[in-house]
C-alpha atoms as a PDB file:
ATOM      1  CA  MET A   1     -12.002  13.164  -9.081  1.00  0.00           C
ATOM      2  CA  ILE A   2     -11.345  11.270  -6.518  1.00  0.00           C
ATOM      3  CA  ASN A   3      -8.457  11.706  -3.165  1.00  0.00           C
ATOM      4  CA  LEU A   4      -6.629   8.724  -3.471  1.00  0.00           C
ATOM      5  CA  GLN A   5      -3.977   9.620  -1.147  1.00  0.00           C
ATOM      6  CA  SER A   6      -7.021  10.183   2.129  1.00  0.00           C
ATOM      7  CA  LYS A   7      -8.138   6.879   1.343  1.00  0.00           C
ATOM      8  CA  ILE A   8      -4.294   5.365   1.350  1.00  0.00           C
ATOM      9  CA  ASN A   9      -3.500   6.853   4.615  1.00  0.00           C
ATOM     10  CA  LYS A  10      -7.283   6.074   6.092  1.00  0.00           C
ATOM     11  CA  LEU A  11      -6.698   1.833   5.364  1.00  0.00           C
ATOM     12  CA  VAL A  12      -2.896   2.289   6.458  1.00  0.00           C
ATOM     13  CA  THR A  13      -4.405   3.692   9.908  1.00  0.00           C
ATOM     14  CA  ALA A  14      -6.911   1.024   9.862  1.00  0.00           C
ATOM     15  CA  LEU A  15      -4.442  -1.702   9.395  1.00  0.00           C
ATOM     16  CA  ARG A  16      -2.062  -0.232  11.801  1.00  0.00           C
ATOM     17  CA  MET A  17      -5.003  -0.374  14.441  1.00  0.00           C
ATOM     18  CA  HIS A  18      -5.320  -3.959  14.021  1.00  0.00           C
ATOM     19  CA  GLY A  19      -1.916  -4.444  14.099  1.00  0.00           C
ATOM     20  CA  VAL A  20      -0.863  -4.692  10.695  1.00  0.00           C
ATOM     21  CA  MET A  21       2.458  -2.255  10.186  1.00  0.00           C
ATOM     22  CA  VAL A  22       2.630  -1.339   6.589  1.00  0.00           C
ATOM     23  CA  LYS A  23       5.320   1.414   5.456  1.00  0.00           C
ATOM     24  CA  ILE A  24       4.838   3.116   1.893  1.00  0.00           C
ATOM     25  CA  ASN A  25       7.786   4.627   0.709  1.00  0.00           C
ATOM     26  CA  THR A  26       8.210   6.124  -3.120  1.00  0.00           C
ATOM     27  CA  GLN A  27      11.281   6.538  -5.501  1.00  0.00           C
ATOM     28  CA  GLN A  28      11.778   8.754  -8.623  1.00  0.00           C
ATOM     29  CA  TYR A  29      13.798   7.719 -11.721  1.00  0.00           C
ATOM     30  CA  PHE A  30      14.337   8.698 -15.121  1.00  0.00           C
ATOM     31  CA  SER A  31      12.614   6.481 -17.865  1.00  0.00           C
ATOM     32  CA  GLU A  32      14.656   6.458 -20.919  1.00  0.00           C
ATOM     33  CA  LYS A  33      11.372   4.627 -22.795  1.00  0.00           C
ATOM     34  CA  GLN A  34       8.785   7.403 -21.348  1.00  0.00           C
ATOM     35  CA  GLY A  35      11.944  10.597 -21.176  1.00  0.00           C
ATOM     36  CA  ARG A  36      10.497  11.547 -17.750  1.00  0.00           C
ATOM     37  CA  VAL A  37      10.788  11.118 -14.132  1.00  0.00           C
ATOM     38  CA  CYS A  38       8.644   8.285 -12.981  1.00  0.00           C
ATOM     39  CA  THR A  39       7.632   7.314  -9.506  1.00  0.00           C
ATOM     40  CA  LYS A  40       7.164   4.165  -8.145  1.00  0.00           C
ATOM     41  CA  ILE A  41       5.192   3.475  -4.578  1.00  0.00           C
ATOM     42  CA  ILE A  42       6.853   0.596  -2.586  1.00  0.00           C
ATOM     43  CA  LEU A  43       4.330  -1.215  -0.015  1.00  0.00           C
ATOM     44  CA  TRP A  44       6.388  -2.893   2.881  1.00  0.00           C
ATOM     45  CA  GLU A  45       4.929  -5.207   5.645  1.00  0.00           C
ATOM     46  CA  GLU A  46       8.106  -6.264   7.366  1.00  0.00           C
ATOM     47  CA  HIS A  47      11.608  -4.619   7.497  1.00  0.00           C
ATOM     48  CA  PRO A  48      12.064  -1.706   4.822  1.00  0.00           C
ATOM     49  CA  ASN A  49      15.571  -3.571   3.319  1.00  0.00           C
ATOM     50  CA  ARG A  50      13.457  -6.346   2.285  1.00  0.00           C
ATOM     51  CA  ASP A  51      11.753  -6.433  -1.068  1.00  0.00           C
ATOM     52  CA  GLY A  52       8.869  -4.861  -0.875  1.00  0.00           C
ATOM     53  CA  GLU A  53       5.670  -5.078  -3.379  1.00  0.00           C
ATOM     54  CA  THR A  54       5.836  -1.981  -6.277  1.00  0.00           C
ATOM     55  CA  PHE A  55       3.381   0.041  -7.639  1.00  0.00           C
ATOM     56  CA  TYR A  56       3.395   2.444 -10.415  1.00  0.00           C
ATOM     57  CA  SER A  57      -0.025   3.908  -9.683  1.00  0.00           C
ATOM     58  CA  LYS A  58      -1.524   4.826  -6.125  1.00  0.00           C
ATOM     59  CA  ALA A  59      -4.930   3.549  -7.650  1.00  0.00           C
ATOM     60  CA  ASP A  60      -3.386   0.140  -7.429  1.00  0.00           C
ATOM     61  CA  LEU A  61      -1.747   0.914  -3.931  1.00  0.00           C
ATOM     62  CA  LEU A  62      -5.244   1.586  -3.294  1.00  0.00           C
ATOM     63  CA  LYS A  63      -6.553  -1.949  -4.418  1.00  0.00           C
ATOM     64  CA  ALA A  64      -3.787  -3.742  -2.652  1.00  0.00           C
ATOM     65  CA  LEU A  65      -4.696  -2.158   0.821  1.00  0.00           C
ATOM     66  CA  ALA A  66      -7.839  -2.983   0.098  1.00  0.00           C
ATOM     67  CA  GLU A  67      -7.546  -6.531  -0.107  1.00  0.00           C
ATOM     68  CA  LYS A  68      -5.167  -6.636   2.789  1.00  0.00           C
ATOM     69  CA  TRP A  69      -7.950  -4.579   4.796  1.00  0.00           C
ATOM     70  CA  LYS A  70     -11.036  -7.593   3.429  1.00  0.00           C
ATOM     71  CA  GLU A  71      -8.124 -10.237   4.719  1.00  0.00           C
ATOM     72  CA  VAL A  72      -7.369  -8.867   7.934  1.00  0.00           C
ATOM     73  CA  LYS A  73     -11.562  -8.290   8.763  1.00  0.00           C
ATOM     74  CA  GLU A  74     -11.947 -12.325   7.566  1.00  0.00           C
ATOM     75  CA  LEU A  75      -9.462 -13.422  10.031  1.00  0.00           C
ATOM     76  CA  GLU A  76     -10.976 -11.255  12.844  1.00  0.00           C
ATOM     77  CA  GLU A  77     -14.455 -12.600  12.118  1.00  0.00           C
ATOM     78  CA  ARG A  78     -12.817 -15.909  12.460  1.00  0.00           C
ATOM     79  CA  GLU A  79     -11.172 -15.497  15.290  1.00  0.00           C
ATOM     80  CA  ASN A  80     -14.379 -14.280  16.818  1.00  0.00           C
ATOM     81  CA  SER A  81     -17.082 -17.116  15.507  1.00  0.00           C
END
């Protein structure tokens, strides 16, 4: 099984090293529909009291972070050209 958390941590560290400060928080809630406690993951690029992007799986969060990393690298390449 792939360890998604380690990849998420590496991307967050890489983004921070390039000046993009992202914050990740989790919240648990009871889902009446599923009859169990569910966890949602919130990604912020700004102040945590504002609305962040919500994910319900680590795989989706990883995809969003990878896309953000791609944007940062493309921007740096354009600036260096």
